[in-house]
Protein backbone atom coordinates (compact mmCIF):
# COMPACT_ATOMS: atom_id res chain seq x y z
CA MET A 1 0.55 27.22 68.53
CA THR A 2 2.95 29.10 66.28
CA ASP A 3 5.96 31.12 67.41
CA GLU A 4 7.37 33.83 65.16
CA TYR A 5 10.91 35.19 65.27
CA PHE A 6 12.68 37.88 63.27
CA TYR A 7 15.19 36.52 60.77
CA GLY A 8 18.02 38.53 59.29
CA VAL A 9 21.35 37.87 57.60
CA THR A 10 23.85 39.97 55.66
CA LEU A 11 25.69 38.86 52.53
CA THR A 12 29.03 40.51 51.65
CA SER A 13 31.98 39.72 49.39
CA ALA A 14 33.86 38.51 52.49
CA ASP A 15 30.95 36.27 53.56
CA PRO A 16 28.83 35.70 50.43
CA SER A 17 26.81 32.69 51.64
CA GLN A 18 24.40 32.15 54.54
CA THR A 19 22.38 29.02 55.29
CA TRP A 20 18.99 28.75 57.01
CA ASP A 21 18.66 25.22 58.36
CA PRO A 22 16.35 24.77 61.35
CA PHE A 23 17.62 21.21 61.79
CA HIS A 24 21.33 21.50 62.52
CA SER A 25 21.60 17.75 63.12
CA ASP A 26 19.46 14.62 62.90
CA ASP A 27 18.77 14.98 66.64
CA ASP A 28 16.95 18.29 65.98
CA GLN A 29 14.42 16.75 63.60
CA ASP A 30 11.45 16.55 65.97
CA MET A 31 8.51 15.60 63.75
CA SER A 32 5.99 17.27 66.08
CA VAL A 33 7.47 20.69 65.21
CA TRP A 34 7.53 22.41 61.80
CA ASN A 35 9.66 25.34 60.65
CA LYS A 36 9.09 27.86 57.89
CA LEU A 37 11.16 30.81 56.71
CA LEU A 38 9.29 33.78 55.22
CA VAL A 39 11.59 36.14 53.31
CA LYS A 40 10.04 39.61 53.22
CA GLN A 41 12.74 42.00 51.98
CA LEU A 42 16.21 42.20 50.49
CA LEU A 43 17.93 45.52 51.06
CA LEU A 44 21.15 46.87 49.58
CA GLY A 45 23.39 48.40 52.27
CA HIS A 46 24.07 52.14 52.30
CA ASP A 47 27.77 51.57 51.63
CA ALA A 48 27.24 49.51 48.45
CA LYS A 49 29.30 50.56 45.44
CA GLU A 50 27.56 52.82 42.93
CA GLU A 51 26.74 51.28 39.55
CA GLU A 52 27.49 47.73 40.78
CA TYR A 53 24.91 44.99 40.37
CA ASN A 54 24.34 42.73 43.37
CA VAL A 55 22.66 39.42 42.57
CA VAL A 56 21.29 37.15 45.31
CA GLU A 57 20.62 33.50 44.53
CA VAL A 58 18.87 30.84 46.61
CA ALA A 59 19.51 27.11 46.59
CA THR A 60 16.90 24.82 48.13
CA GLN A 61 15.57 21.30 47.86
CA THR A 62 12.50 20.56 45.74
CA MET A 63 10.71 17.22 45.61
CA ASP A 64 13.15 15.88 43.03
CA ASP A 65 16.28 18.00 43.02
CA VAL A 66 18.11 21.05 44.30
CA ILE A 67 17.11 24.28 42.58
CA LYS A 68 19.31 27.38 42.32
CA ILE A 69 17.68 30.58 41.15
CA PRO A 70 18.27 34.34 41.52
CA ILE A 71 15.70 36.12 43.68
CA ALA A 72 16.97 39.70 43.52
CA VAL A 73 19.11 42.02 41.41
CA LEU A 74 19.95 45.22 43.30
CA LYS A 75 21.92 48.28 42.16
CA ALA A 76 22.83 51.43 44.08
CA GLY A 77 21.16 54.39 42.42
CA GLU A 78 18.38 52.23 40.93
CA ALA A 79 16.85 49.46 43.01
CA ARG A 80 18.07 49.47 46.61
CA ASN A 81 15.46 47.07 47.95
CA VAL A 82 12.94 44.49 46.87
CA CYS A 83 9.91 43.29 48.83
CA MET A 84 8.74 39.74 48.40
CA GLN A 85 6.80 36.92 49.97
CA LEU A 86 8.98 33.81 49.63
CA GLU A 87 8.42 30.77 51.86
CA PHE A 88 10.89 27.98 52.53
CA VAL A 89 10.29 24.83 54.56
CA ALA A 90 13.49 23.05 53.50
CA PRO A 91 16.96 24.35 54.32
CA VAL A 92 17.97 27.21 52.02
CA ILE A 93 21.31 28.77 51.08
CA PHE A 94 21.42 32.48 50.20
CA THR A 95 24.43 33.44 48.07
CA LEU A 96 25.66 36.78 46.77
CA VAL A 97 26.73 35.57 43.31
CA LYS A 98 27.61 39.01 41.91
CA GLY A 99 28.64 42.25 43.57
CA ALA A 100 30.25 43.10 46.89
CA GLY A 101 27.10 43.91 48.87
CA PRO A 102 26.26 44.28 51.60
CA VAL A 103 22.81 42.83 51.01
CA HIS A 104 20.56 42.42 54.04
CA ILE A 105 17.85 39.75 54.03
CA HIS A 106 14.89 40.22 56.40
CA GLY A 107 12.02 37.92 57.24
CA HIS A 108 10.32 35.73 59.80
CA HIS A 109 11.14 32.28 61.14
CA LEU A 110 7.93 30.47 62.09
CA ILE A 111 7.95 27.48 64.43
CA GLY A 112 4.76 25.53 65.01
CA GLU A 113 3.50 22.30 66.43
CA SER A 114 2.19 19.70 64.01
CA SER A 115 -1.33 18.46 64.54
CA ASP A 116 -1.44 14.97 65.95
CA PRO A 117 -4.52 12.97 64.85
CA THR A 118 -5.12 11.89 68.45
CA ASP A 119 -5.22 15.55 69.51
CA MET A 120 -7.90 16.24 66.89
CA TRP A 121 -10.04 13.41 68.29
CA ASP A 122 -9.60 14.77 71.82
CA GLU A 123 -10.69 18.24 70.69
CA GLU A 124 -13.74 16.80 68.99
CA LEU A 125 -14.73 14.99 72.16
CA GLU A 126 -14.28 18.18 74.18
CA GLU A 127 -16.72 20.15 72.03
CA GLU A 128 -19.88 21.11 73.81
CA GLU A 129 -23.27 20.23 72.46
CA THR A 130 -25.83 22.99 72.55
CA GLU A 131 -29.41 23.04 71.45
CA ALA A 132 -30.54 25.70 69.03
CA GLU A 133 -34.08 26.44 67.98
CA THR A 134 -34.97 26.99 64.36
CA GLU A 135 -36.65 30.21 63.33
CA ASN A 136 -40.20 29.04 64.10
CA GLY A 137 -39.19 27.71 67.50
CA SER A 138 -40.91 24.32 67.16
CA ALA A 139 -38.18 22.05 65.82
CA ARG A 140 -34.97 21.57 67.75
CA ARG A 141 -31.67 20.42 66.46
CA LYS A 142 -28.31 19.81 68.06
CA GLN A 143 -25.24 21.77 67.00
CA LYS A 144 -21.67 21.42 68.11
CA PHE A 145 -19.68 24.55 68.89
CA PRO A 146 -16.02 24.44 69.82
CA THR A 147 -15.41 25.78 73.31
CA ALA A 148 -13.24 28.58 71.91
CA LEU A 149 -16.13 29.90 69.80
CA LYS A 150 -18.79 29.70 72.51
CA VAL A 151 -20.39 33.10 73.15
CA THR A 152 -20.78 33.63 76.88
CA LYS A 153 -22.75 36.88 76.82
CA PRO A 154 -24.46 38.92 74.13
CA VAL A 155 -22.56 41.75 72.51
CA ALA A 156 -24.25 45.09 71.84
CA VAL A 157 -23.50 46.56 68.43
CA PRO A 158 -24.25 50.27 67.98
CA VAL A 159 -26.50 51.11 65.04
CA ARG A 160 -26.27 54.44 63.26
CA LYS A 161 -29.61 56.00 62.30
CA ARG A 162 -30.03 57.31 58.78
CA LYS A 163 -31.28 60.84 58.30
């Protein structure tokens, strides 16, 4: 099961840095739950100064090191927003490194449950066995269908006649 929540922060010259960290302390690090941040849009506020560049940088952990890289350059009168599809699973720091902003960051915070190998075995045991005939009807074979995919009654599909 995955839960999805709206995520939004604003960067300004007075508060140029915001951190997304789903694990505020070591006590929060429940290994049966995963978190992901999807950044969808960065938007320059309506009261941003004309002709001023606003640069947003992210800092996040990679396998080996911390990486810092700009993800958007916004300017009133030119580019007021940028759409993207960035995903972060490690804590991330958004920083307004140039300009006064405000820059609004929008996205989704996803929270899901990790699959436990014992749960997968239980699901496999719960699958129902059904018999299905081959096209000629003589040979029979057994197929497994998960309960969630089992069709309980036929579905009528309308067919349009050609003229």
